[in-house]
Protein backbone atom coordinates (compact mmCIF):
# COMPACT_ATOMS: atom_id res chain seq x y z
CA UNK A 1 50.99 70.74 -28.61
CA UNK A 2 47.49 71.02 -27.26
CA UNK A 3 46.06 70.19 -30.68
CA UNK A 4 48.33 67.17 -31.01
CA UNK A 5 47.32 65.91 -27.59
CA UNK A 6 43.67 66.34 -28.45
CA UNK A 7 44.13 64.44 -31.70
CA UNK A 8 45.97 61.63 -29.89
CA UNK A 9 43.16 61.35 -27.35
CA UNK A 10 40.57 61.24 -30.13
CA UNK A 11 42.53 58.54 -31.93
CA UNK A 12 42.80 56.50 -28.73
CA UNK A 13 39.07 56.81 -28.16
CA UNK A 14 38.31 55.74 -31.73
CA UNK A 15 40.72 52.80 -31.40
CA UNK A 16 39.12 51.79 -28.10
CA UNK A 17 35.68 51.90 -29.66
CA UNK A 18 36.87 49.51 -32.35
CA UNK A 19 37.83 46.84 -29.79
CA UNK A 20 34.87 44.67 -28.78
CA UNK A 21 34.50 41.63 -26.54
CA UNK A 22 31.38 39.48 -27.00
CA UNK A 23 30.35 37.77 -23.72
CA UNK A 24 29.11 34.22 -23.33
CA UNK A 25 25.60 33.41 -24.72
CA UNK A 26 25.56 36.61 -26.76
CA UNK A 27 26.02 37.54 -30.42
CA UNK A 28 26.61 40.90 -32.13
CA UNK A 29 25.17 41.76 -35.54
CA UNK A 30 27.61 44.05 -37.44
CA UNK A 31 26.66 46.46 -40.20
CA UNK A 32 29.06 48.25 -42.56
CA UNK A 33 27.75 51.43 -44.08
CA UNK A 34 24.19 50.28 -43.26
CA UNK A 35 24.50 46.80 -44.78
CA UNK A 36 24.80 43.53 -42.95
CA UNK A 37 28.48 42.70 -42.50
CA UNK A 38 28.48 39.65 -40.19
CA UNK A 39 27.68 38.15 -36.81
CA UNK A 40 30.26 38.12 -34.05
CA UNK A 41 30.24 35.16 -31.67
CA UNK A 42 31.84 34.93 -28.21
CA UNK A 43 35.35 36.43 -27.97
CA UNK A 44 37.52 39.45 -28.94
CA UNK A 45 36.76 41.39 -32.16
CA UNK A 46 37.98 44.55 -33.97
CA UNK A 47 35.70 46.59 -36.18
CA UNK A 48 36.49 49.23 -38.70
CA UNK A 49 36.09 52.71 -37.25
CA UNK A 50 33.27 54.92 -38.42
CA UNK A 51 32.06 52.59 -41.22
CA UNK A 52 31.26 49.56 -39.00
CA UNK A 53 28.76 49.51 -36.15
CA UNK A 54 27.08 47.00 -33.85
CA UNK A 55 23.51 46.95 -35.16
CA UNK A 56 22.09 44.52 -32.58
CA UNK A 57 23.24 42.73 -29.44
CA UNK A 58 21.38 39.42 -29.31
CA UNK A 59 20.93 37.18 -26.24
CA UNK A 60 21.15 33.51 -27.19
CA UNK A 61 19.86 32.12 -23.88
CA UNK A 62 16.32 30.76 -23.57
CA UNK A 63 13.93 33.56 -22.71
CA UNK A 64 10.44 33.70 -21.27
CA UNK A 65 7.67 36.09 -22.19
CA UNK A 66 4.34 36.26 -20.35
CA UNK A 67 1.46 37.58 -22.44
CA UNK A 68 -1.63 39.24 -21.01
CA UNK A 69 -4.92 37.27 -20.97
CA UNK A 70 -6.58 37.04 -24.37
CA UNK A 71 -10.37 36.71 -24.86
CA UNK A 72 -11.31 33.53 -26.72
CA UNK A 73 -14.62 31.86 -27.59
CA UNK A 74 -15.14 28.12 -27.33
CA UNK A 75 -17.09 25.93 -29.73
CA UNK A 76 -20.16 26.11 -27.46
CA UNK A 77 -20.02 29.94 -27.44
CA UNK A 78 -18.49 30.45 -24.01
CA UNK A 79 -16.19 33.47 -23.75
CA UNK A 80 -13.17 33.05 -21.50
CA UNK A 81 -9.81 34.68 -20.96
CA UNK A 82 -6.53 32.76 -21.27
CA UNK A 83 -3.01 34.03 -20.65
CA UNK A 84 -0.02 32.18 -22.03
CA UNK A 85 3.68 31.86 -21.32
CA UNK A 86 6.08 31.28 -24.23
CA UNK A 87 9.62 29.94 -23.84
CA UNK A 88 11.74 30.80 -26.88
CA UNK A 89 15.37 30.98 -27.98
CA UNK A 90 17.10 32.97 -30.74
CA UNK A 91 18.89 30.59 -33.10
CA UNK A 92 19.81 32.99 -35.94
CA UNK A 93 20.76 36.56 -34.91
CA UNK A 94 20.67 37.84 -38.51
CA UNK A 95 17.08 36.64 -39.12
CA UNK A 96 16.08 37.90 -35.68
CA UNK A 97 17.33 41.40 -36.59
CA UNK A 98 15.99 41.57 -40.14
CA UNK A 99 13.15 39.06 -40.25
CA UNK A 100 10.45 41.03 -38.41
CA UNK A 101 10.14 44.57 -37.08
CA UNK A 102 9.20 43.68 -33.49
CA UNK A 103 9.70 39.96 -32.80
CA UNK A 104 8.08 39.91 -29.33
CA UNK A 105 4.96 41.72 -30.50
CA UNK A 106 4.80 39.43 -33.50
CA UNK A 107 4.98 36.36 -31.24
CA UNK A 108 2.25 37.78 -28.99
CA UNK A 109 -0.13 38.41 -31.88
CA UNK A 110 0.64 35.02 -33.39
CA UNK A 111 0.01 33.38 -30.01
CA UNK A 112 -3.38 35.07 -29.63
CA UNK A 113 -4.44 34.10 -33.16
CA UNK A 114 -3.31 30.50 -32.76
CA UNK A 115 -5.02 30.23 -29.38
CA UNK A 116 -8.34 31.48 -30.77
CA UNK A 117 -8.18 28.99 -33.63
CA UNK A 118 -7.48 26.04 -31.32
CA UNK A 119 -10.03 26.98 -28.62
CA UNK A 120 -12.67 27.62 -31.29
CA UNK A 121 -12.65 23.92 -32.12
CA UNK A 122 -13.08 22.82 -28.48
CA UNK A 123 -15.98 22.98 -26.07
CA UNK A 124 -15.67 24.35 -22.56
CA UNK A 125 -15.12 21.01 -20.83
CA UNK A 126 -12.51 20.00 -23.41
CA UNK A 127 -10.72 23.31 -22.95
CA UNK A 128 -10.50 22.84 -19.20
CA UNK A 129 -9.24 19.25 -19.47
CA UNK A 130 -7.00 19.42 -22.55
CA UNK A 131 -4.19 21.76 -21.55
CA UNK A 132 -1.44 19.41 -22.70
CA UNK A 133 -3.04 19.04 -26.14
CA UNK A 134 -3.50 22.81 -26.49
CA UNK A 135 0.10 23.45 -25.40
CA UNK A 136 1.48 20.95 -27.92
CA UNK A 137 -0.58 22.39 -30.81
CA UNK A 138 0.42 25.95 -29.99
CA UNK A 139 4.11 25.09 -29.69
CA UNK A 140 4.10 23.31 -33.04
CA UNK A 141 2.30 26.18 -34.80
CA UNK A 142 4.40 28.95 -33.24
CA UNK A 143 7.68 27.13 -33.84
CA UNK A 144 6.89 26.71 -37.50
CA UNK A 145 5.77 30.33 -37.89
CA UNK A 146 8.80 31.82 -36.10
CA UNK A 147 11.47 29.90 -38.06
CA UNK A 148 11.82 32.76 -40.65
CA UNK A 149 12.49 35.12 -37.73
CA UNK A 150 15.42 33.08 -36.38
CA UNK A 151 13.40 32.10 -33.27
CA UNK A 152 12.74 28.62 -31.92
CA UNK A 153 9.73 28.17 -29.62
CA UNK A 154 10.65 25.50 -27.07
CA UNK A 155 7.49 25.40 -24.99
CA UNK A 156 4.09 27.07 -24.62
CA UNK A 157 2.06 26.91 -21.42
CA UNK A 158 -1.47 28.04 -20.64
CA UNK A 159 -0.95 29.94 -17.42
CA UNK A 160 -4.57 30.63 -16.49
CA UNK A 161 -7.95 29.76 -17.94
CA UNK A 162 -10.53 32.21 -16.63
CA UNK A 163 -14.15 31.32 -17.52
CA UNK A 164 -17.10 33.70 -16.91
CA UNK A 165 -18.18 34.25 -13.30
CA UNK A 166 -21.47 32.37 -13.77
CA UNK A 167 -19.64 29.32 -15.04
CA UNK A 168 -17.12 29.64 -12.20
CA UNK A 169 -19.97 29.56 -9.68
CA UNK A 170 -21.52 26.53 -11.38
CA UNK A 171 -18.14 24.79 -11.43
CA UNK A 172 -17.60 25.52 -7.74
CA UNK A 173 -21.04 24.09 -6.90
CA UNK A 174 -20.32 21.04 -9.02
CA UNK A 175 -16.95 20.52 -7.34
CA UNK A 176 -18.58 20.94 -3.92
CA UNK A 177 -21.23 18.36 -4.80
CA UNK A 178 -18.54 16.02 -6.09
CA UNK A 179 -16.54 16.42 -2.86
CA UNK A 180 -19.65 15.72 -0.78
CA UNK A 181 -20.43 12.66 -2.92
CA UNK A 182 -16.91 11.32 -2.46
CA UNK A 183 -17.11 12.03 1.26
CA UNK A 184 -20.39 10.08 1.48
CA UNK A 185 -18.83 7.19 -0.43
CA UNK A 186 -15.81 7.16 1.86
CA UNK A 187 -18.02 7.24 4.96
CA UNK A 188 -20.17 4.40 3.62
CA UNK A 189 -17.11 2.36 2.75
CA UNK A 190 -15.70 3.01 6.22
CA UNK A 191 -18.93 1.91 7.91
CA UNK A 192 -19.09 -1.19 5.70
CA UNK A 193 -15.50 -2.01 6.49
CA UNK A 194 -16.18 -1.52 10.19
CA UNK A 195 -19.22 -3.84 10.05
CA UNK A 196 -17.19 -6.47 8.20
CA UNK A 197 -14.39 -6.28 10.75
CA UNK A 198 -16.90 -6.49 13.59
CA UNK A 199 -18.60 -9.53 12.03
CA UNK A 200 -15.26 -11.16 11.41
CA UNK A 201 -14.28 -10.48 15.01
CA UNK A 202 -17.52 -12.02 16.28
CA UNK A 203 -17.06 -15.00 13.99
CA UNK A 204 -13.51 -15.48 15.22
CA UNK A 205 -14.70 -15.20 18.82
CA UNK A 206 -17.39 -17.86 18.25
CA UNK A 207 -14.87 -20.15 16.56
CA UNK A 208 -12.40 -19.72 19.41
CA UNK A 209 -15.13 -20.38 21.99
CA UNK A 210 -16.21 -23.52 20.12
CA UNK A 211 -12.62 -24.67 19.93
CA UNK A 212 -12.23 -24.01 23.65
CA UNK A 213 -15.42 -25.97 24.47
CA UNK A 214 -14.29 -28.80 22.23
CA UNK A 215 -10.87 -28.89 23.86
CA UNK A 216 -12.49 -28.78 27.32
CA UNK A 217 -14.80 -31.69 26.42
CA UNK A 218 -11.87 -33.69 25.06
CA UNK A 219 -9.85 -33.05 28.21
CA UNK A 220 -12.82 -33.97 30.41
CA UNK A 221 -13.40 -37.22 28.48
CA UNK A 222 -9.73 -38.05 28.68
CA UNK A 223 -9.80 -37.35 32.45
CA UNK A 224 -12.84 -39.65 32.93
CA UNK A 225 -11.21 -42.30 30.78
CA UNK A 226 -7.99 -42.01 32.76
CA UNK A 227 -9.92 -42.24 36.04
CA UNK A 228 -11.76 -45.38 34.93
CA UNK A 229 -8.55 -46.92 33.71
CA UNK A 230 -6.86 -46.21 37.02
CA UNK A 231 -9.90 -47.55 38.94
CA UNK A 232 -9.90 -50.74 36.88
CA UNK A 233 -6.18 -51.08 37.36
CA UNK A 234 -6.67 -50.61 41.14
CA UNK A 235 -9.40 -53.29 41.25
CA UNK A 236 -7.23 -55.61 39.19
CA UNK A 237 -4.35 -55.00 41.55
CA UNK A 238 -6.62 -55.69 44.55
CA UNK A 239 -7.88 -58.94 43.02
CA UNK A 240 -4.34 -59.98 42.27
CA UNK A 241 -3.30 -59.25 45.84
CA UNK A 242 -6.28 -61.25 47.23
CA UNK A 243 -5.54 -64.17 44.98
CA UNK A 244 -1.89 -63.96 45.91
CA UNK A 245 -2.83 -63.93 49.60
CA UNK A 246 -5.09 -67.00 49.18
CA UNK A 247 -2.38 -68.77 47.26
CA UNK A 248 0.13 -67.91 49.94
CA UNK A 249 -2.25 -69.21 52.66
CA UNK A 250 -2.85 -72.50 50.89
CA UNK A 251 0.86 -72.84 50.31
CA UNK A 252 1.48 -72.18 53.97
CA UNK A 253 -1.07 -74.84 55.05
CA UNK A 254 0.43 -77.38 52.77
CA UNK A 255 3.90 -76.61 53.98
CA UNK A 256 2.61 -77.03 57.57
CA UNK A 257 1.46 -80.63 56.75
CA UNK A 258 -2.30 -80.13 57.13
CA UNK A 259 -4.46 -83.15 56.23
CA UNK A 260 -7.37 -83.29 53.82
CA UNK A 261 -9.92 -82.54 56.50
CA UNK A 262 -8.36 -79.14 57.24
CA UNK A 263 -8.27 -78.31 53.54
CA UNK A 264 -11.93 -79.26 53.28
CA UNK A 265 -12.75 -76.98 56.18
CA UNK A 266 -10.96 -74.12 54.50
CA UNK A 267 -12.99 -74.81 51.40
CA UNK A 268 -16.11 -74.69 53.52
CA UNK A 269 -15.12 -71.30 54.92
CA UNK A 270 -14.64 -70.03 51.40
CA UNK A 271 -18.06 -71.36 50.50
CA UNK A 272 -19.58 -69.60 53.52
CA UNK A 273 -18.05 -66.31 52.41
CA UNK A 274 -19.43 -66.86 48.93
CA UNK A 275 -22.89 -67.56 50.38
CA UNK A 276 -22.82 -64.16 52.14
CA UNK A 277 -22.50 -62.46 48.77
CA UNK A 278 -25.18 -60.95 46.51
CA UNK A 279 -25.49 -63.97 44.23
CA UNK A 280 -29.05 -65.37 43.98
CA UNK A 281 -28.04 -68.81 42.75
CA UNK A 282 -25.16 -70.91 44.20
CA UNK A 283 -24.07 -74.27 42.78
CA UNK A 284 -22.72 -76.50 45.62
CA UNK A 285 -20.28 -79.23 44.63
CA UNK A 286 -21.01 -82.80 45.89
CA UNK A 287 -17.86 -82.98 47.98
CA UNK A 288 -18.84 -79.76 49.77
CA UNK A 289 -22.05 -81.48 50.96
CA UNK A 290 -20.01 -84.25 52.59
CA UNK A 291 -17.91 -81.67 54.26
CA UNK A 292 -21.03 -79.99 55.60
CA UNK A 293 -22.15 -83.28 57.18
CA UNK A 294 -18.76 -83.75 58.73
CA UNK A 295 -18.88 -80.27 60.15
CA UNK A 296 -22.31 -81.00 61.74
CA UNK A 297 -21.02 -84.18 63.40
CA UNK A 298 -18.03 -82.36 64.80
CA UNK A 299 -20.29 -79.65 66.19
CA UNK A 300 -22.45 -82.22 68.03
CA UNK A 301 -19.41 -83.97 69.55
CA UNK A 302 -18.24 -80.62 70.82
CA UNK A 303 -21.63 -79.90 72.41
CA UNK A 304 -21.69 -83.30 74.22
CA UNK A 305 -18.22 -82.74 75.59
CA UNK A 306 -19.30 -79.39 76.98
CA UNK A 307 -22.39 -80.96 78.64
CA UNK A 308 -20.27 -83.48 80.51
């Protein structure tokens, strides 16, 4: 009984080992008696006991490998160290298992060789400013070279470019000088801008002051003009009132029935008022002279009456 139980347990263990589940983004390479049998994709699988085995479990997700810095020499004989990062993905598990002995080491060596070839055609300045070009060339070369291995290189990045210490010091000095130059340019531009704004402000102030003076002069002239107009209107109104008063007086005398002698006397009074004026030349009508003689006669009659 014990032997039977042991055999049953062994059979169950063998049967359990023949049941395999392949997880997502994985693939199993199966060998039968040492020869390639097939590739299992995601799902449940049963293998033959003893004669079948899982030769390789392959991850199909994109993977990243960071290689140590590699010494390279530029076209102008400057030695620098560059480390790279390679993003790759296994597309054919069979080729990945049987195409090359150590795929990662093969990619590293291929990366170093390709990098030396590319950098050898560039000078130092081009190397420092042409990362995108170097990345594209390396990706194209590595992708083509790794196709027989069942690997697709999606992207290659230069992680660090480390030039010699002397060149680093020179570059730092150059960058410092460039920063100081830009700072000087910015300060000069700021001062120029400030001077322009100040001049524009002064110009605007002068223009506003001139406009204010002009407006003040216009208002003053208009005030003087208005004053003269009002003065002239007042004088005209006064003359009209005087004329109206004279006309009203003459009308009143006529309505009172005064004779011609009274009217002539009134004319004489008007003449006397005119004589008191500032005129240097007075033209006396002939009828006024007769009136003057009449006035003299009347004055003498009045004197005689007083003497009696």
